Amino acid sequence: MAFKFKKSQKEPISEINVTPFVDVMLVLLIIFMVTAPLLTVGVQVDLPESSADSLPEEQEPLTLTINSKGEIFIQESKVDFDGVVKKILAVSKNRTDTRIYVRGDKTINYGRVLEVMGMLSGSGFTKVALISEPLKER
């Protein structure tokens, strides 16, 4: 009597189970979809002192300075508060895309700097920025 033995069914499976992989990818996708909008929302703030390098400029920007007495200067000429927009429009040849740097004295009220920046932004100027001093090594 001859016995026939069945071959063992314990061969390794050569297919990859992708179900756990898909589950992990879907969870990561949801996490990124929720956190991505939170990363783009923010307020850009230029601090009084910064260790960042300056950006190269293709054209000379206008500099608006507010000294400790609250007096406003465009480049080196003194201007009244009401005449700031007219003077900047004249100097920039009515181009509202001119880069304007606002230099506010450290001792002046922050509200005064915001008034000037708000007036410039309200007049259509889109490139208004604050200037800061380089961070001093301590």
Protein backbone atom coordinates (compact mmCIF):
# COMPACT_ATOMS: atom_id res chain seq x y z
CA MET A 1 0.00 0.00 0.00
CA ALA A 2 1.45 3.24 -1.07
CA PHE A 3 0.78 6.38 0.89
CA LYS A 4 0.48 9.68 -0.86
CA PHE A 5 1.51 12.66 1.18
CA LYS A 6 0.04 16.04 0.46
CA LYS A 7 2.44 18.86 -0.13
CA SER A 8 2.59 21.37 2.73
CA GLN A 9 0.54 24.55 2.19
CA LYS A 10 2.91 26.67 4.29
CA GLU A 11 4.65 28.50 1.46
CA PRO A 12 5.53 32.17 2.03
CA ILE A 13 3.10 34.72 0.62
CA SER A 14 4.84 36.79 -2.03
CA GLU A 15 2.23 39.59 -2.17
CA ILE A 16 2.51 42.77 -0.12
CA ASN A 17 -0.48 43.64 2.02
CA VAL A 18 -1.10 47.29 1.10
CA THR A 19 -4.09 47.85 3.37
CA PRO A 20 -2.05 49.07 6.38
CA PHE A 21 0.06 51.24 4.05
CA VAL A 22 -3.07 52.88 2.57
CA ASP A 23 -4.49 53.43 6.07
CA VAL A 24 -1.33 55.20 7.22
CA MET A 25 -1.18 57.34 4.06
CA LEU A 26 -4.81 58.44 4.44
CA VAL A 27 -4.21 59.45 8.06
CA LEU A 28 -1.12 61.45 7.04
CA LEU A 29 -3.05 63.08 4.21
CA ILE A 30 -5.76 64.22 6.62
CA ILE A 31 -3.19 65.56 9.08
CA PHE A 32 -1.44 67.56 6.34
CA MET A 33 -4.74 68.88 4.98
CA VAL A 34 -5.70 70.15 8.43
CA THR A 35 -2.33 71.67 9.36
CA ALA A 36 -1.33 73.21 6.00
CA PRO A 37 -3.77 76.17 6.18
CA LEU A 38 -2.61 76.89 9.73
CA LEU A 39 1.00 77.22 8.57
CA THR A 40 0.21 79.82 5.90
CA VAL A 41 -1.80 82.13 8.15
CA GLY A 42 0.35 84.54 10.07
CA VAL A 43 1.32 88.12 10.64
CA GLN A 44 4.65 89.33 9.36
CA VAL A 45 6.39 91.38 12.03
CA ASP A 46 9.70 93.17 11.66
CA LEU A 47 11.36 93.48 15.04
CA PRO A 48 13.53 96.46 16.07
CA GLU A 49 16.64 94.28 16.02
CA SER A 50 17.27 91.44 13.61
CA SER A 51 20.18 89.22 12.65
CA ALA A 52 18.82 88.60 9.12
CA ASP A 53 20.77 89.66 6.06
CA SER A 54 19.37 92.43 3.90
CA LEU A 55 17.72 91.63 0.58
CA PRO A 56 19.26 92.91 -2.64
CA GLU A 57 17.28 95.68 -4.31
CA GLU A 58 16.85 96.28 -8.02
CA GLN A 59 15.95 99.94 -7.49
CA GLU A 60 16.52 102.45 -4.73
CA PRO A 61 13.63 102.38 -2.22
CA LEU A 62 12.15 105.49 -0.64
CA THR A 63 12.92 105.94 3.03
CA LEU A 64 10.39 107.57 5.31
CA THR A 65 11.83 108.43 8.73
CA ILE A 66 9.96 109.34 11.92
CA ASN A 67 12.31 110.80 14.53
CA SER A 68 11.86 110.85 18.31
CA LYS A 69 9.92 114.16 18.13
CA GLY A 70 7.37 112.66 15.70
CA GLU A 71 8.64 114.66 12.72
CA ILE A 72 8.38 112.92 9.35
CA PHE A 73 11.15 112.99 6.73
CA ILE A 74 11.10 111.57 3.20
CA GLN A 75 14.71 110.79 2.39
CA GLU A 76 16.27 113.92 4.05
CA SER A 77 13.49 116.48 3.53
CA LYS A 78 11.00 117.27 6.29
CA VAL A 79 7.31 116.82 5.40
CA ASP A 80 4.06 117.57 7.22
CA PHE A 81 1.86 114.59 8.14
CA ASP A 82 -0.83 115.68 5.67
CA GLY A 83 1.64 116.08 2.79
CA VAL A 84 3.33 112.68 3.06
CA VAL A 85 1.25 110.92 0.39
CA LYS A 86 1.48 113.82 -2.08
CA LYS A 87 5.25 114.04 -1.68
CA ILE A 88 5.78 110.28 -2.04
CA LEU A 89 3.56 110.18 -5.13
CA ALA A 90 5.58 113.04 -6.62
CA VAL A 91 8.92 111.42 -5.85
CA SER A 92 7.82 107.97 -7.08
CA LYS A 93 6.21 109.41 -10.25
CA ASN A 94 2.73 108.16 -9.21
CA ARG A 95 3.89 104.54 -9.00
CA THR A 96 2.18 102.79 -6.08
CA ASP A 97 4.40 99.72 -6.41
CA THR A 98 7.43 101.69 -5.19
CA ARG A 99 9.12 100.09 -2.19
CA ILE A 100 8.86 102.34 0.89
CA TYR A 101 10.90 101.69 4.02
CA VAL A 102 9.59 103.20 7.25
CA ARG A 103 12.22 103.97 9.88
CA GLY A 104 10.69 104.68 13.26
CA ASP A 105 12.73 105.84 16.23
CA LYS A 106 12.80 103.31 19.06
CA THR A 107 11.47 105.84 21.55
CA ILE A 108 8.47 107.01 19.49
CA ASN A 109 4.95 105.79 20.13
CA TYR A 110 4.20 102.72 18.01
CA GLY A 111 0.79 104.17 17.16
CA ARG A 112 2.42 107.04 15.26
CA VAL A 113 4.35 104.60 13.06
CA LEU A 114 1.14 102.63 12.44
CA GLU A 115 -0.69 105.83 11.48
CA VAL A 116 1.88 106.60 8.81
CA MET A 117 1.99 103.02 7.52
CA GLY A 118 -1.82 102.85 7.46
CA MET A 119 -1.99 106.12 5.55
CA LEU A 120 0.48 104.79 2.97
CA SER A 121 -1.34 101.47 2.62
CA GLY A 122 -4.69 103.25 2.36
CA SER A 123 -3.30 105.38 -0.46
CA GLY A 124 -2.57 102.28 -2.54
CA PHE A 125 1.10 101.66 -1.77
CA THR A 126 1.62 97.91 -1.62
CA LYS A 127 5.29 97.59 -0.64
CA VAL A 128 5.56 99.29 2.74
CA ALA A 129 8.00 97.75 5.23
CA LEU A 130 9.69 98.55 8.53
CA ILE A 131 13.45 98.86 8.86
CA SER A 132 15.24 97.37 11.85
CA GLU A 133 18.76 97.62 13.21
CA PRO A 134 21.02 94.56 13.03
CA LEU A 135 21.08 92.51 16.21
CA LYS A 136 23.96 93.64 18.43
CA GLU A 137 26.18 90.93 19.81
CA ARG A 138 26.09 90.76 23.59
